[in-house]
C-alpha atoms as a PDB file:
ATOM      1  CA  MET A   1       0.000   0.000   0.000  1.00  0.00           C
ATOM      2  CA  ILE A   2       1.391   3.383  -0.961  1.00  0.00           C
ATOM      3  CA  PRO A   3       1.582   5.554   2.196  1.00  0.00           C
ATOM      4  CA  ALA A   4       1.619   9.086   0.720  1.00  0.00           C
ATOM      5  CA  ASP A   5       0.852  11.139  -2.389  1.00  0.00           C
ATOM      6  CA  GLY A   6       3.908  11.969  -4.420  1.00  0.00           C
ATOM      7  CA  ARG A   7       5.858  11.831  -7.639  1.00  0.00           C
ATOM      8  CA  ILE A   8       7.895   8.849  -8.777  1.00  0.00           C
ATOM      9  CA  LEU A   9      11.591   9.701  -8.883  1.00  0.00           C
ATOM     10  CA  GLN A  10      12.827   6.319 -10.068  1.00  0.00           C
ATOM     11  CA  GLY A  11      11.422   2.952 -11.066  1.00  0.00           C
ATOM     12  CA  MET A  12       8.245   1.571 -12.558  1.00  0.00           C
ATOM     13  CA  ALA A  13       5.200   0.047 -10.889  1.00  0.00           C
ATOM     14  CA  SER A  14       1.760  -1.388 -11.452  1.00  0.00           C
ATOM     15  CA  VAL A  15      -0.819   0.189  -9.138  1.00  0.00           C
ATOM     16  CA  ASP A  16      -4.533  -0.278  -8.539  1.00  0.00           C
ATOM     17  CA  GLN A  17      -6.087   3.202  -8.288  1.00  0.00           C
ATOM     18  CA  GLN A  18      -9.681   1.986  -8.526  1.00  0.00           C
ATOM     19  CA  ARG A  19     -10.603   3.096  -4.991  1.00  0.00           C
ATOM     20  CA  LEU A  20      -9.671   6.685  -5.769  1.00  0.00           C
ATOM     21  CA  THR A  21     -10.267   7.139  -9.483  1.00  0.00           C
ATOM     22  CA  GLY A  22     -12.722   4.410 -10.427  1.00  0.00           C
ATOM     23  CA  GLU A  23     -10.336   3.071 -13.071  1.00  0.00           C
ATOM     24  CA  ALA A  24     -11.036  -0.621 -13.485  1.00  0.00           C
ATOM     25  CA  GLN A  25      -7.668  -1.380 -15.086  1.00  0.00           C
ATOM     26  CA  ILE A  26      -4.295  -1.647 -13.405  1.00  0.00           C
ATOM     27  CA  VAL A  27      -2.243   1.486 -14.129  1.00  0.00           C
ATOM     28  CA  GLU A  28       1.436   1.446 -15.062  1.00  0.00           C
ATOM     29  CA  LYS A  29       3.403   4.258 -13.437  1.00  0.00           C
ATOM     30  CA  SER A  30       6.954   5.390 -14.094  1.00  0.00           C
ATOM     31  CA  SER A  31       9.390   8.194 -13.371  1.00  0.00           C
ATOM     32  CA  GLY A  32       7.651  11.594 -13.210  1.00  0.00           C
ATOM     33  CA  ASP A  33       4.144  10.165 -12.677  1.00  0.00           C
ATOM     34  CA  THR A  34       1.958  11.113  -9.728  1.00  0.00           C
ATOM     35  CA  ILE A  35       1.123   8.360  -7.266  1.00  0.00           C
ATOM     36  CA  PHE A  36      -1.567   8.353  -4.571  1.00  0.00           C
ATOM     37  CA  ALA A  37      -1.739   7.145  -0.987  1.00  0.00           C
ATOM     38  CA  ALA A  38      -4.052   4.219  -0.176  1.00  0.00           C
ATOM     39  CA  THR A  39      -3.484   2.579  -3.553  1.00  0.00           C
ATOM     40  CA  PRO A  40      -1.990  -0.905  -3.666  1.00  0.00           C
ATOM     41  CA  LEU A  41       1.441  -1.258  -5.245  1.00  0.00           C
ATOM     42  CA  LEU A  42       1.023  -4.502  -7.178  1.00  0.00           C
ATOM     43  CA  SER A  43       4.447  -5.062  -8.659  1.00  0.00           C
ATOM     44  CA  ARG A  44       7.965  -3.746  -8.927  1.00  0.00           C
ATOM     45  CA  GLN A  45       9.713  -1.067  -6.896  1.00  0.00           C
ATOM     46  CA  ILE A  46       9.618   2.735  -6.929  1.00  0.00           C
ATOM     47  CA  TRP A  47      11.256   5.647  -5.160  1.00  0.00           C
ATOM     48  CA  VAL A  48       8.804   8.451  -4.459  1.00  0.00           C
ATOM     49  CA  GLN A  49       9.198  12.084  -3.478  1.00  0.00           C
ATOM     50  CA  VAL A  50       6.439  12.648  -0.921  1.00  0.00           C
ATOM     51  CA  GLU A  51       4.309  15.685  -1.747  1.00  0.00           C
ATOM     52  CA  LYS A  52       1.366  15.123   0.624  1.00  0.00           C
ATOM     53  CA  ALA A  53       1.106  12.914   3.693  1.00  0.00           C
ATOM     54  CA  GLU A  54      -1.470  11.927   6.293  1.00  0.00           C
ATOM     55  CA  THR A  55      -4.513  14.262   6.248  1.00  0.00           C
ATOM     56  CA  GLN A  56      -3.347  16.108   3.128  1.00  0.00           C
ATOM     57  CA  THR A  57      -3.507  13.109   0.773  1.00  0.00           C
ATOM     58  CA  LEU A  58      -6.216  12.715  -1.832  1.00  0.00           C
ATOM     59  CA  ALA A  59      -7.496   9.618  -0.020  1.00  0.00           C
ATOM     60  CA  ALA A  60      -7.781  11.533   3.271  1.00  0.00           C
ATOM     61  CA  GLN A  61      -9.610  14.409   1.577  1.00  0.00           C
ATOM     62  CA  ILE A  62     -12.098  12.015  -0.038  1.00  0.00           C
ATOM     63  CA  GLY A  63     -12.633  10.340   3.343  1.00  0.00           C
ATOM     64  CA  GLU A  64     -13.284  13.720   4.974  1.00  0.00           C
ATOM     65  CA  LEU A  65     -15.858  14.642   2.297  1.00  0.00           C
ATOM     66  CA  LEU A  66     -17.644  11.324   2.771  1.00  0.00           C
ATOM     67  CA  GLU A  67     -17.700  11.824   6.531  1.00  0.00           C
ATOM     68  CA  GLN A  68     -19.103  15.352   6.175  1.00  0.00           C
ATOM     69  CA  THR A  69     -21.771  14.110   3.759  1.00  0.00           C
ATOM     70  CA  THR A  70     -22.791  11.313   6.114  1.00  0.00           C
ATOM     71  CA  GLU A  71     -22.990  13.723   9.048  1.00  0.00           C
ATOM     72  CA  HIS A  72     -25.138  16.127   7.012  1.00  0.00           C
ATOM     73  CA  ILE A  73     -27.519  13.357   5.953  1.00  0.00           C
ATOM     74  CA  CYS A  74     -27.850  12.157   9.550  1.00  0.00           C
ATOM     75  CA  ARG A  75     -28.569  15.705  10.806  1.00  0.00           C
ATOM     76  CA  SER A  76     -31.180  16.184   8.081  1.00  0.00           C
ATOM     77  CA  LYS A  77     -32.925  12.939   8.975  1.00  0.00           C
ATOM     78  CA  ARG A  78     -32.922  13.758  12.696  1.00  0.00           C
ATOM     79  CA  ALA A  79     -34.384  17.193  11.976  1.00  0.00           C
ATOM     80  CA  GLY A  80     -37.150  15.630   9.903  1.00  0.00           C
ATOM     81  CA  CYS A  81     -36.342  17.748   6.890  1.00  0.00           C
ATOM     82  CA  VAL A  82     -38.836  17.659   4.082  1.00  0.00           C
ATOM     83  CA  TRP A  83     -37.379  18.302   0.672  1.00  0.00           C
ATOM     84  CA  PRO A  84     -39.561  20.268  -1.754  1.00  0.00           C
ATOM     85  CA  ASN A  85     -40.924  18.402  -4.710  1.00  0.00           C
ATOM     86  CA  LEU A  86     -39.142  20.164  -7.555  1.00  0.00           C
ATOM     87  CA  ALA A  87     -40.897  18.028 -10.186  1.00  0.00           C
ATOM     88  CA  GLN A  88     -44.098  20.057  -9.893  1.00  0.00           C
END
């Protein structure tokens, strides 16, 4: 599992970015390419210059958005919100 967002300095790798990008195919990455945290490194070896770590990674930002959305939905349901029927 790749631990941080960054740019590949050296090497080549096959990665599975499906969780972040929705790409169904394995992606080949090489020197100069961007790589994302929380994506499985499937083969080979790479050296990466870390650009974003921990809460700054793309994966962390997506997780935060999902959490905020879930919290908003829960608050709306607790408040008994009624959404207007815009189809009228």
